[in-house]
């Protein structure tokens, strides 16, 4: 899937999600929302950091415009991954949206303190998920001015 982003190629979304079923539902939600993107998927924070830094096996990975980050994952969880992204001078401008089933007030507050750009609770209903993905697309693909030449830029 790919959506045009001017001369810079498709809008790339990195999905950091350990559950293959949730990853598949997210991909279907993008398609159902009518907003095709190049959706890249990794299963945990360690793989996300390797992808973002283009370490093997991700040396040819595209630069994402947006990261969708689950919180509860094995190895490096989303909390540690968010802090690492936002603490890295080369990555900190990259928009990170926490997309998780957690409705914990502490998780929400912790995520914003760690500089998450948004916190979205994954609904159980597919129609609600499609609506939330569509709203994310409307905002991040169409509504936001980004810094040209940066990984988060268009």
Protein backbone atom coordinates (compact mmCIF):
# COMPACT_ATOMS: atom_id res chain seq x y z
CA UNK A 1 0.00 0.00 0.00
CA UNK A 2 1.22 3.50 -0.63
CA UNK A 3 -0.11 7.02 -0.51
CA UNK A 4 1.53 9.82 -2.38
CA UNK A 5 3.47 12.41 -0.43
CA UNK A 6 4.56 14.68 -3.21
CA UNK A 7 8.00 13.94 -4.65
CA UNK A 8 9.15 12.18 -1.49
CA UNK A 9 7.26 8.94 -2.07
CA UNK A 10 4.61 7.20 0.01
CA UNK A 11 3.58 8.18 3.51
CA UNK A 12 5.36 5.62 5.67
CA UNK A 13 3.94 4.48 8.99
CA UNK A 14 5.97 2.30 11.34
CA UNK A 15 3.69 0.11 13.43
CA UNK A 16 5.36 -1.23 16.58
CA UNK A 17 3.02 -4.00 17.72
CA UNK A 18 3.75 -7.45 19.15
CA UNK A 19 0.35 -8.96 18.35
CA UNK A 20 0.10 -10.16 14.71
CA UNK A 21 -3.72 -10.06 14.83
CA UNK A 22 -3.69 -6.42 15.99
CA UNK A 23 -1.13 -5.57 13.31
CA UNK A 24 -3.35 -7.14 10.65
CA UNK A 25 -6.43 -5.29 11.99
CA UNK A 26 -4.52 -2.01 11.90
CA UNK A 27 -3.49 -2.64 8.30
CA UNK A 28 -7.10 -3.46 7.41
CA UNK A 29 -8.27 -0.30 9.21
CA UNK A 30 -5.94 1.83 7.05
CA UNK A 31 -7.33 0.17 3.93
CA UNK A 32 -10.95 0.48 5.11
CA UNK A 33 -10.37 4.14 5.96
CA UNK A 34 -9.45 4.66 2.31
CA UNK A 35 -6.02 5.92 3.31
CA UNK A 36 -3.41 3.62 1.87
CA UNK A 37 0.02 4.05 3.37
CA UNK A 38 3.22 2.11 3.31
CA UNK A 39 2.76 0.29 6.62
CA UNK A 40 5.96 -1.18 8.04
CA UNK A 41 5.58 -3.54 11.00
CA UNK A 42 8.00 -4.54 13.76
CA UNK A 43 7.17 -6.59 16.84
CA UNK A 44 8.91 -4.75 19.69
CA UNK A 45 10.95 -1.76 20.74
CA UNK A 46 14.32 -3.35 19.99
CA UNK A 47 13.27 -3.96 16.39
CA UNK A 48 11.74 -0.47 16.19
CA UNK A 49 15.02 1.16 17.20
CA UNK A 50 16.97 -1.01 14.74
CA UNK A 51 14.47 -0.02 12.02
CA UNK A 52 14.66 3.70 12.84
CA UNK A 53 18.45 3.67 13.00
CA UNK A 54 18.71 1.42 9.92
CA UNK A 55 20.66 -1.25 11.72
CA UNK A 56 20.65 -4.79 10.28
CA UNK A 57 18.39 -6.27 9.12
CA UNK A 58 16.77 -2.88 8.40
CA UNK A 59 19.61 -1.16 6.54
CA UNK A 60 17.31 -0.34 3.60
CA UNK A 61 14.30 0.63 5.73
CA UNK A 62 12.34 3.68 4.60
CA UNK A 63 12.22 6.69 6.91
CA UNK A 64 8.79 6.70 8.56
CA UNK A 65 6.68 9.82 8.71
CA UNK A 66 4.79 8.50 11.75
CA UNK A 67 5.26 5.81 14.41
CA UNK A 68 2.28 3.99 15.93
CA UNK A 69 3.56 2.49 19.18
CA UNK A 70 1.98 -0.14 21.41
CA UNK A 71 2.96 0.07 25.08
CA UNK A 72 2.87 -3.53 26.28
CA UNK A 73 5.39 -5.64 24.36
CA UNK A 74 8.12 -8.15 25.17
CA UNK A 75 11.82 -7.25 25.24
CA UNK A 76 11.74 -3.43 25.01
CA UNK A 77 8.25 -2.14 25.70
CA UNK A 78 6.65 0.97 24.24
CA UNK A 79 7.46 3.15 27.24
CA UNK A 80 11.21 2.56 26.94
CA UNK A 81 11.02 2.83 23.15
CA UNK A 82 9.22 6.19 23.33
CA UNK A 83 11.84 7.56 25.74
CA UNK A 84 14.64 6.33 23.48
CA UNK A 85 13.11 7.88 20.35
CA UNK A 86 12.47 11.22 22.02
CA UNK A 87 15.91 11.17 23.63
CA UNK A 88 17.72 10.70 20.31
CA UNK A 89 18.57 13.98 18.57
CA UNK A 90 18.18 12.36 15.14
CA UNK A 91 14.73 10.91 15.92
CA UNK A 92 13.04 13.20 18.44
CA UNK A 93 11.12 15.21 15.80
CA UNK A 94 9.49 11.99 14.55
CA UNK A 95 5.80 11.98 15.52
CA UNK A 96 4.96 9.08 17.82
CA UNK A 97 1.36 8.15 18.51
CA UNK A 98 0.82 5.65 21.30
CA UNK A 99 -1.80 3.19 20.03
CA UNK A 100 -2.63 0.78 22.82
CA UNK A 101 -5.43 -1.01 24.62
CA UNK A 102 -4.38 0.55 27.93
CA UNK A 103 -6.80 3.11 29.33
CA UNK A 104 -4.63 3.63 32.43
CA UNK A 105 -4.39 7.28 33.44
CA UNK A 106 -0.81 6.60 34.53
CA UNK A 107 0.08 5.27 31.05
CA UNK A 108 -1.47 8.33 29.42
CA UNK A 109 0.36 10.75 31.71
CA UNK A 110 3.66 8.85 31.41
CA UNK A 111 3.39 8.83 27.62
CA UNK A 112 2.84 12.58 27.40
CA UNK A 113 5.65 13.25 29.89
CA UNK A 114 7.89 11.21 27.57
CA UNK A 115 6.77 13.51 24.70
CA UNK A 116 4.32 11.26 22.85
CA UNK A 117 2.58 13.33 20.20
CA UNK A 118 -0.77 11.64 20.90
CA UNK A 119 -2.29 8.81 22.91
CA UNK A 120 -5.03 6.74 21.27
CA UNK A 121 -6.80 3.82 22.91
CA UNK A 122 -7.41 0.92 20.53
CA UNK A 123 -11.11 0.10 20.40
CA UNK A 124 -12.29 -3.50 20.25
CA UNK A 125 -14.81 -2.74 17.50
CA UNK A 126 -13.43 -2.72 13.95
CA UNK A 127 -15.65 0.18 12.84
CA UNK A 128 -14.37 2.26 15.75
CA UNK A 129 -10.78 1.32 14.90
CA UNK A 130 -11.33 2.38 11.28
CA UNK A 131 -12.78 5.70 12.51
CA UNK A 132 -9.76 6.33 14.75
CA UNK A 133 -7.27 5.37 12.01
CA UNK A 134 -9.13 7.62 9.59
CA UNK A 135 -8.93 10.52 12.08
CA UNK A 136 -5.20 9.86 12.55
CA UNK A 137 -4.74 9.92 8.79
CA UNK A 138 -6.74 13.12 8.41
CA UNK A 139 -4.53 14.80 10.99
CA UNK A 140 -1.08 13.35 10.28
CA UNK A 141 -1.35 13.02 6.48
CA UNK A 142 -3.35 16.14 5.68
CA UNK A 143 -3.47 18.49 8.63
CA UNK A 144 0.06 18.83 9.95
CA UNK A 145 2.89 20.98 8.65
CA UNK A 146 6.16 19.09 9.10
CA UNK A 147 9.78 20.13 8.95
CA UNK A 148 11.08 19.58 5.39
CA UNK A 149 13.90 17.10 5.07
CA UNK A 150 13.32 15.51 8.48
CA UNK A 151 12.12 11.92 8.93
CA UNK A 152 8.78 13.26 10.15
CA UNK A 153 8.52 15.70 7.24
CA UNK A 154 6.63 15.40 4.02
